[in-house]
Amino acid sequence: MELRVVLLLPLCFPGLQAQTPGELSQREGSNLSVLCPYPAEREYRDLKSWCRWIDQQCQLQVAIIGTSTYAHTERANQGYITIQGDPIHRNFSITMTDLQVEDSGTYYCAYSQINVPLKWISLTVFKELHKLELDSLSVQCPYHALGFRSERKAWCRAVGQTGGCELMVTTDTTYTWGISKGKEGRASIQDDTQNRTVTITMEKLQAQDSGVYWCALYRLYPTIHFTPIMEVRLSVAKRPAATTLSVTTGTSQNYLPGNSTQAGQGVGTYIIISTVLHLLLIPVVILITSCIRHHRKLKRRGNRQAEDIYDKPEDTMQLESTERMETPKDDSKDLKYVTLDFKSQRSPEESLYCNVEPYQAPKNPKDENVEYAIIAHS
């Protein structure tokens, strides 16, 4: 319908050549610049504008008169849509920054108060998504700027360059016959007419789901027709073929792609448990080592004290006898009997051995009785 109106506009404005809107496809978040030359007979002080074609009329976005610019929409007021005149080269330029999917639509630059079209642009702002197999997809498709509250909405997959689209799911459940068996139950759609937003969900994505999708208006009469509201370019990559885990026993476990999620959870659990056990084992080993060292130190200290006690007795008396004690032949007898016989006088034939150390005698030495001991074997 939009294209039909565009082709009829030259009938309303004599001298205006018929033209087909130039198709532009821009990624979400990118910028767009459009240069619009105007006829030589027009003064630069005339009104120049940038319109969006909605409901068969111009929805003014921005305008310029001479050097003064005017913003007519919220995005224009926020600086996302600007207009700038160049009277020397007799043209003006339009710039749209940070494009959003809801900016998709038909635009044209115009002059004079009646907005005579100069150039038409059919803009498609697509959303680019990258997913892995078995992931889920959720897309919100706003249409509040289009006013399609009561129209049937659909989610379809673009086919070739012919403009055809393979139906996936529609808001009218009566017409779900077009859903292929491979995608049955994996796609759902919900239309929030209050906020004018369609939400599409796809589950258990496969690599073959990669492609271009449309959130579109779906009409059955007079023929099946899709009018894109938003374009989504989906890329689904395969998950890694296998994950190999090497354990301490030297064995390995291979996980198949279908169980990659469970395998990843098992690997993560094993790593966590192993780490905790190693952290608990380290202080235990340190504690045992410290106990062994401490025990050895105590043992060495006890041996040294015993040696000191043995080497330094409090009282030492060395006695030698003219007769030597013979070791009995029977080693089983551990007891030996000794008789000490004290005599008041020493025999002149016996010798006495003693240790003599220098000692300073006192001034008044005292007389001391000396007793001799004789050791006799019984």
Protein backbone atom coordinates (compact mmCIF):
# COMPACT_ATOMS: atom_id res chain seq x y z
CA MET A 1 0.00 0.00 0.00
CA GLU A 2 2.85 2.40 0.85
CA LEU A 3 4.54 1.81 -2.50
CA ARG A 4 1.24 2.32 -4.34
CA VAL A 5 0.75 5.69 -2.64
CA VAL A 6 4.31 6.71 -3.46
CA LEU A 7 3.76 6.00 -7.15
CA LEU A 8 0.55 8.06 -7.15
CA LEU A 9 2.19 11.12 -5.57
CA PRO A 10 3.49 12.53 -8.91
CA LEU A 11 -0.14 12.86 -10.02
CA CYS A 12 -0.76 15.17 -7.10
CA PHE A 13 2.45 17.18 -7.62
CA PRO A 14 3.11 18.02 -11.28
CA GLY A 15 6.78 17.96 -12.29
CA LEU A 16 7.68 15.36 -9.67
CA GLN A 17 9.11 12.22 -11.25
CA ALA A 18 7.89 8.83 -10.07
CA GLN A 19 10.47 6.95 -8.03
CA THR A 20 10.73 3.75 -6.04
CA PRO A 21 11.94 4.08 -2.43
CA GLY A 22 15.59 3.17 -2.06
CA GLU A 23 15.93 0.18 0.24
CA LEU A 24 18.42 0.51 3.07
CA SER A 25 19.25 -2.13 5.65
CA GLN A 26 21.03 -1.00 8.80
CA ARG A 27 22.17 -2.87 11.88
CA GLU A 28 20.68 -1.83 15.21
CA GLY A 29 22.86 0.83 16.84
CA SER A 30 24.35 2.08 13.56
CA ASN A 31 23.98 5.55 11.96
CA LEU A 32 22.28 6.72 8.76
CA SER A 33 22.99 9.81 6.63
CA VAL A 34 20.79 10.95 3.75
CA LEU A 35 21.61 13.81 1.34
CA CYS A 36 18.60 15.59 -0.18
CA PRO A 37 19.18 18.09 -3.04
CA TYR A 38 16.33 20.51 -3.81
CA PRO A 39 15.37 22.29 -7.07
CA ALA A 40 17.32 25.37 -8.11
CA GLU A 41 14.22 27.55 -8.22
CA ARG A 42 13.51 26.99 -4.55
CA GLU A 43 14.90 29.44 -2.03
CA TYR A 44 17.00 28.13 0.82
CA ARG A 45 14.61 29.92 3.17
CA ASP A 46 11.81 27.55 2.17
CA LEU A 47 10.79 24.78 4.52
CA LYS A 48 12.78 21.56 4.21
CA SER A 49 11.74 18.53 6.21
CA TRP A 50 12.24 14.83 6.96
CA CYS A 51 9.00 12.85 7.09
CA ARG A 52 8.01 9.34 8.07
CA TRP A 53 5.19 7.86 6.01
CA ILE A 54 2.60 6.47 8.43
CA ASP A 55 -1.10 5.94 7.77
CA GLN A 56 -0.76 7.51 4.31
CA GLN A 57 0.46 10.82 5.63
CA CYS A 58 3.67 12.60 6.64
CA GLN A 59 4.69 12.35 10.26
CA LEU A 60 7.15 15.22 10.54
CA GLN A 61 10.44 14.32 12.24
CA VAL A 62 12.65 17.41 11.82
CA ALA A 63 12.48 20.57 9.70
CA ILE A 64 14.66 23.55 8.78
CA ILE A 65 13.74 27.04 7.63
CA GLY A 66 16.76 29.10 6.66
CA THR A 67 19.19 28.36 9.47
CA SER A 68 16.61 27.54 12.12
CA THR A 69 15.90 23.88 12.87
CA TYR A 70 12.83 22.35 14.53
CA ALA A 71 12.38 18.96 16.20
CA HIS A 72 8.95 17.33 16.09
CA THR A 73 9.52 13.92 17.74
CA GLU A 74 10.98 12.66 20.98
CA ARG A 75 14.04 11.12 19.31
CA ALA A 76 14.62 14.35 17.41
CA ASN A 77 14.43 16.30 20.67
CA GLN A 78 16.99 13.90 22.15
CA GLY A 79 19.36 14.62 19.26
CA TYR A 80 19.11 11.24 17.50
CA ILE A 81 17.62 12.87 14.36
CA THR A 82 19.17 16.08 13.00
CA ILE A 83 18.86 18.21 9.85
CA GLN A 84 21.44 20.58 8.38
CA GLY A 85 21.14 22.91 5.34
CA ASP A 86 23.79 23.70 2.72
CA PRO A 87 22.54 26.66 0.63
CA ILE A 88 25.74 26.85 -1.41
CA HIS A 89 25.27 23.36 -2.85
CA ARG A 90 21.47 23.66 -2.58
CA ASN A 91 20.89 20.55 -0.50
CA PHE A 92 20.23 19.52 3.07
CA SER A 93 21.28 16.40 4.97
CA ILE A 94 19.52 14.16 7.45
CA THR A 95 21.39 12.18 10.12
CA MET A 96 19.87 9.44 12.27
CA THR A 97 22.12 8.01 15.01
CA ASP A 98 21.85 4.92 17.22
CA LEU A 99 19.17 3.36 15.06
CA GLN A 100 16.61 1.12 16.76
CA VAL A 101 14.41 -1.59 15.27
CA GLU A 102 11.33 0.61 15.75
CA ASP A 103 12.93 3.14 13.38
CA SER A 104 12.22 0.75 10.50
CA GLY A 105 9.79 2.23 7.99
CA THR A 106 9.41 4.48 4.96
CA TYR A 107 10.86 8.01 5.03
CA TYR A 108 11.23 10.85 2.59
CA CYS A 109 12.79 14.29 2.53
CA ALA A 110 10.54 17.11 1.31
CA TYR A 111 10.31 20.84 0.70
CA SER A 112 7.63 23.55 1.01
CA GLN A 113 4.76 23.70 3.44
CA ILE A 114 2.92 20.86 1.71
CA ASN A 115 5.93 18.53 2.07
CA VAL A 116 6.62 17.79 -1.58
CA PRO A 117 8.74 14.57 -1.65
CA LEU A 118 12.33 14.77 -2.91
CA LYS A 119 13.73 11.34 -2.03
CA TRP A 120 12.16 8.17 -0.61
CA ILE A 121 13.94 5.75 1.72
CA SER A 122 12.66 2.34 2.81
CA LEU A 123 14.64 1.70 5.99
CA THR A 124 14.98 -1.67 7.67
CA VAL A 125 16.80 -1.75 11.01
CA PHE A 126 17.60 -5.36 11.82
CA LYS A 127 18.56 -6.96 15.10
CA GLU A 128 21.60 -9.25 14.99
CA LEU A 129 21.63 -12.19 17.42
CA HIS A 130 24.24 -14.90 18.02
CA LYS A 131 23.27 -18.06 19.89
CA LEU A 132 24.50 -21.61 20.58
CA GLU A 133 22.61 -24.81 19.99
CA LEU A 134 20.03 -25.66 22.67
CA ASP A 135 19.85 -21.99 23.71
CA SER A 136 16.57 -20.09 23.89
CA LEU A 137 15.64 -16.93 22.01
CA SER A 138 13.35 -14.14 23.18
CA VAL A 139 12.65 -11.13 20.95
CA GLN A 140 10.44 -8.12 21.65
CA CYS A 141 8.93 -6.47 18.60
CA PRO A 142 7.45 -3.02 19.38
CA TYR A 143 4.92 -1.55 16.96
CA HIS A 144 3.56 1.44 18.92
CA ALA A 145 4.79 3.83 16.22
CA LEU A 146 2.87 1.92 13.54
CA GLY A 147 -0.56 1.68 15.14
CA PHE A 148 -1.23 -1.97 14.22
CA ARG A 149 -3.16 -2.77 17.37
CA SER A 150 -5.85 -5.05 15.93
CA GLU A 151 -3.87 -6.61 13.08
CA ARG A 152 -2.79 -10.25 13.24
CA LYS A 153 0.94 -10.62 14.01
CA ALA A 154 3.22 -13.45 12.92
CA TRP A 155 6.77 -14.76 13.24
CA CYS A 156 8.11 -16.07 9.94
CA ARG A 157 11.37 -17.00 8.27
CA ALA A 158 12.37 -15.14 5.10
CA VAL A 159 12.73 -17.36 2.03
CA GLY A 160 15.20 -16.37 -0.68
CA GLN A 161 15.11 -12.97 -2.36
CA THR A 162 11.49 -13.18 -3.50
CA GLY A 163 10.03 -11.56 -0.39
CA GLY A 164 8.35 -14.77 0.69
CA CYS A 165 8.23 -15.86 4.32
CA GLU A 166 7.70 -19.27 5.92
CA LEU A 167 5.13 -19.04 8.72
CA MET A 168 6.38 -20.11 12.13
CA VAL A 169 3.61 -19.00 14.49
CA THR A 170 0.84 -16.38 14.49
CA THR A 171 -1.28 -14.64 17.12
CA ASP A 172 -4.37 -16.27 15.59
CA THR A 173 -4.04 -19.91 16.68
CA THR A 174 -6.61 -20.97 14.08
CA TYR A 175 -3.99 -20.57 11.36
CA THR A 176 -1.04 -22.52 12.78
CA TRP A 177 -1.24 -25.13 10.01
CA GLY A 178 1.79 -23.53 8.33
CA ILE A 179 4.17 -24.46 11.17
CA SER A 180 6.63 -27.15 10.12
CA LYS A 181 6.90 -30.28 12.25
CA GLY A 182 10.54 -29.67 13.09
CA LYS A 183 9.71 -26.38 14.80
CA GLU A 184 6.37 -27.38 16.28
CA GLY A 185 6.19 -26.49 19.93
CA ARG A 186 9.51 -24.61 19.88
CA ALA A 187 8.15 -21.20 18.85
CA SER A 188 5.54 -19.08 20.61
CA ILE A 189 4.18 -15.56 20.18
CA GLN A 190 2.38 -13.17 22.51
CA ASP A 191 0.82 -9.84 21.56
CA ASP A 192 0.59 -7.17 24.25
CA THR A 193 -1.88 -4.78 22.62
CA GLN A 194 -1.79 -2.44 25.61
CA ASN A 195 1.93 -1.72 25.21
CA ARG A 196 1.87 -2.57 21.49
CA THR A 197 4.67 -5.09 21.74
CA VAL A 198 4.92 -8.60 20.34
CA THR A 199 7.14 -11.10 22.18
CA ILE A 200 8.50 -14.10 20.28
CA THR A 201 10.19 -17.07 21.96
CA MET A 202 12.10 -19.95 20.37
CA GLU A 203 13.48 -22.85 22.42
CA LYS A 204 16.09 -25.55 21.82
CA LEU A 205 17.71 -23.75 18.92
CA GLN A 206 19.48 -25.78 16.25
CA ALA A 207 22.22 -24.80 13.81
CA GLN A 208 19.74 -25.07 10.92
CA ASP A 209 17.61 -22.36 12.57
CA SER A 210 20.12 -19.74 11.40
CA GLY A 211 18.59 -17.25 8.98
CA VAL A 212 16.55 -14.07 8.59
CA TYR A 213 13.26 -13.78 10.48
CA TRP A 214 10.47 -11.24 10.41
CA CYS A 215 8.12 -10.03 13.05
CA ALA A 216 5.38 -9.07 10.64
CA LEU A 217 1.74 -8.26 10.02
CA TYR A 218 -0.03 -11.32 8.68
CA ARG A 219 -2.89 -10.96 6.20
CA LEU A 220 -4.80 -13.84 4.60
CA TYR A 221 -7.06 -11.89 2.23
CA PRO A 222 -7.09 -11.42 -0.63
CA THR A 223 -3.80 -13.35 -0.57
CA ILE A 224 -1.36 -14.35 2.15
CA HIS A 225 0.89 -11.38 2.73
CA PHE A 226 3.56 -10.48 5.30
CA THR A 227 4.42 -6.86 6.08
CA PRO A 228 7.67 -6.78 8.09
CA ILE A 229 7.66 -4.86 11.35
CA MET A 230 11.12 -5.94 12.48
CA GLU A 231 13.87 -8.05 10.95
CA VAL A 232 16.03 -10.41 13.02
CA ARG A 233 19.20 -12.02 11.69
CA LEU A 234 19.86 -15.12 13.74
CA SER A 235 23.11 -17.08 13.80
CA VAL A 236 23.14 -20.38 15.73
CA ALA A 237 26.55 -22.02 16.20
CA LYS A 238 27.22 -25.62 17.15
CA ARG A 239 28.49 -26.39 20.60
CA PRO A 240 31.95 -27.99 21.01
CA ALA A 241 31.98 -31.60 19.80
CA ALA A 242 33.25 -33.07 23.07
CA THR A 243 34.82 -32.13 26.37
CA THR A 244 37.67 -34.27 27.74
CA LEU A 245 38.44 -34.27 31.46
CA SER A 246 41.73 -35.73 32.74
CA VAL A 247 41.60 -37.05 36.31
CA THR A 248 44.36 -38.14 38.70
CA THR A 249 43.88 -41.82 37.90
CA GLY A 250 45.01 -41.19 34.34
CA THR A 251 41.61 -41.92 32.82
CA SER A 252 39.49 -39.52 30.79
CA GLN A 253 35.78 -39.02 30.40
CA ASN A 254 34.24 -37.96 27.09
CA TYR A 255 30.93 -36.14 27.07
CA LEU A 256 28.67 -36.15 24.05
CA PRO A 257 27.35 -32.85 22.70
CA GLY A 258 23.78 -33.64 23.77
CA ASN A 259 24.85 -33.97 27.39
CA SER A 260 27.25 -31.04 27.35
CA THR A 261 25.26 -29.14 29.97
CA GLN A 262 25.22 -32.03 32.45
CA ALA A 263 28.85 -32.81 31.67
CA GLY A 264 29.83 -29.21 32.33
CA GLN A 265 28.02 -29.31 35.68
CA GLY A 266 29.77 -32.60 36.59
CA VAL A 267 33.17 -31.20 35.67
CA GLY A 268 32.53 -28.09 37.72
CA THR A 269 31.42 -30.16 40.74
CA TYR A 270 34.48 -32.41 40.47
CA ILE A 271 36.84 -29.42 40.29
CA ILE A 272 35.21 -27.80 43.33
CA ILE A 273 35.36 -31.01 45.41
CA SER A 274 38.98 -31.67 44.41
CA THR A 275 39.98 -28.13 45.30
CA VAL A 276 38.29 -28.32 48.71
CA LEU A 277 39.91 -31.70 49.50
CA HIS A 278 43.35 -30.40 48.55
CA LEU A 279 42.87 -27.32 50.70
CA LEU A 280 41.82 -29.49 53.66
CA LEU A 281 44.68 -31.96 53.11
CA ILE A 282 47.43 -29.33 53.20
CA PRO A 283 46.88 -28.21 56.86
CA VAL A 284 46.50 -31.87 57.97
CA VAL A 285 49.89 -32.76 56.45
CA ILE A 286 51.47 -29.68 58.02
CA LEU A 287 49.99 -30.59 61.43
CA ILE A 288 51.23 -34.19 61.27
CA THR A 289 54.73 -33.06 60.22
CA SER A 290 54.86 -30.55 63.08
CA CYS A 291 53.80 -33.22 65.60
CA ILE A 292 56.51 -35.62 64.40
CA ARG A 293 59.19 -32.94 64.61
CA HIS A 294 58.03 -31.89 68.06
CA HIS A 295 58.09 -35.51 69.26
CA ARG A 296 61.64 -35.98 67.97
CA LYS A 297 62.80 -32.81 69.70
CA LEU A 298 61.34 -33.99 73.02
CA LYS A 299 63.02 -37.38 72.61
CA ARG A 300 66.42 -35.82 71.89
CA ARG A 301 66.09 -33.47 74.86
CA GLY A 302 65.29 -36.42 77.17
CA ASN A 303 68.37 -38.37 76.00
CA ARG A 304 70.62 -35.37 76.60
CA GLN A 305 69.31 -34.94 80.15
CA ALA A 306 69.88 -38.65 80.85
CA GLU A 307 73.47 -38.42 79.58
CA ASP A 308 74.12 -35.36 81.70
CA ILE A 309 72.83 -37.13 84.81
CA TYR A 310 74.94 -40.21 84.09
CA ASP A 311 78.11 -38.24 83.37
CA LYS A 312 77.84 -35.96 86.45
CA PRO A 313 76.97 -37.89 89.61
CA GLU A 314 76.73 -35.94 92.81
CA ASP A 315 79.15 -38.14 94.76
CA THR A 316 82.06 -39.97 93.13
CA MET A 317 84.31 -42.33 94.96
CA GLN A 318 87.01 -44.32 93.22
CA LEU A 319 88.33 -47.25 95.09
CA GLU A 320 90.95 -49.68 93.87
CA SER A 321 91.66 -52.97 95.50
CA THR A 322 94.70 -55.21 95.33
CA GLU A 323 92.40 -57.98 94.28
CA ARG A 324 90.36 -57.79 91.10
CA MET A 325 86.88 -59.04 90.75
CA GLU A 326 86.65 -61.86 88.24
CA THR A 327 83.67 -62.04 86.02
CA PRO A 328 81.74 -65.21 86.69
CA LYS A 329 81.47 -67.62 83.82
CA ASP A 330 77.75 -67.92 84.25
CA ASP A 331 76.24 -64.86 82.57
CA SER A 332 72.81 -65.66 83.87
CA LYS A 333 73.76 -64.51 87.38
CA ASP A 334 73.17 -60.80 87.57
CA LEU A 335 73.50 -60.38 91.35
CA LYS A 336 76.89 -59.95 93.06
CA TYR A 337 77.42 -59.79 96.79
CA VAL A 338 79.95 -57.41 98.31
CA THR A 339 80.90 -57.12 101.97
CA LEU A 340 82.29 -53.87 103.33
CA ASP A 341 84.41 -54.32 106.44
CA PHE A 342 85.41 -51.09 108.12
CA LYS A 343 88.62 -51.19 110.23
CA SER A 344 89.92 -48.57 112.53
CA GLN A 345 93.54 -49.06 111.48
CA ARG A 346 95.15 -49.58 108.13
CA SER A 347 97.59 -52.41 107.45
CA PRO A 348 101.10 -51.16 106.63
CA GLU A 349 101.35 -53.57 103.69
CA GLU A 350 98.34 -52.10 101.91
CA SER A 351 98.45 -49.19 99.54
CA LEU A 352 95.96 -46.40 99.40
CA TYR A 353 95.20 -44.50 96.20
CA CYS A 354 93.49 -41.16 96.19
CA ASN A 355 93.09 -38.08 94.09
CA VAL A 356 94.91 -35.01 95.36
CA GLU A 357 93.94 -31.52 94.28
CA PRO A 358 95.68 -28.29 95.32
CA TYR A 359 93.91 -26.71 98.21
CA GLN A 360 94.74 -23.80 100.43
CA ALA A 361 94.84 -24.97 103.99
CA PRO A 362 93.02 -22.87 106.52
CA LYS A 363 94.91 -20.95 109.15
CA ASN A 364 93.69 -23.12 111.94
CA PRO A 365 93.43 -26.58 110.53
CA LYS A 366 91.24 -28.96 112.39
CA ASP A 367 92.25 -32.48 113.23
CA GLU A 368 90.17 -34.95 111.35
CA ASN A 369 90.03 -38.69 111.75
CA VAL A 370 90.64 -40.66 108.58
CA GLU A 371 88.94 -43.99 108.13
CA TYR A 372 90.11 -46.63 105.68
CA ALA A 373 87.91 -49.11 103.92
CA ILE A 374 88.84 -52.58 102.86
CA ILE A 375 86.74 -54.41 100.29
CA ALA A 376 86.89 -58.14 100.79
CA HIS A 377 85.28 -60.70 98.52
CA SER A 378 83.25 -63.36 100.22
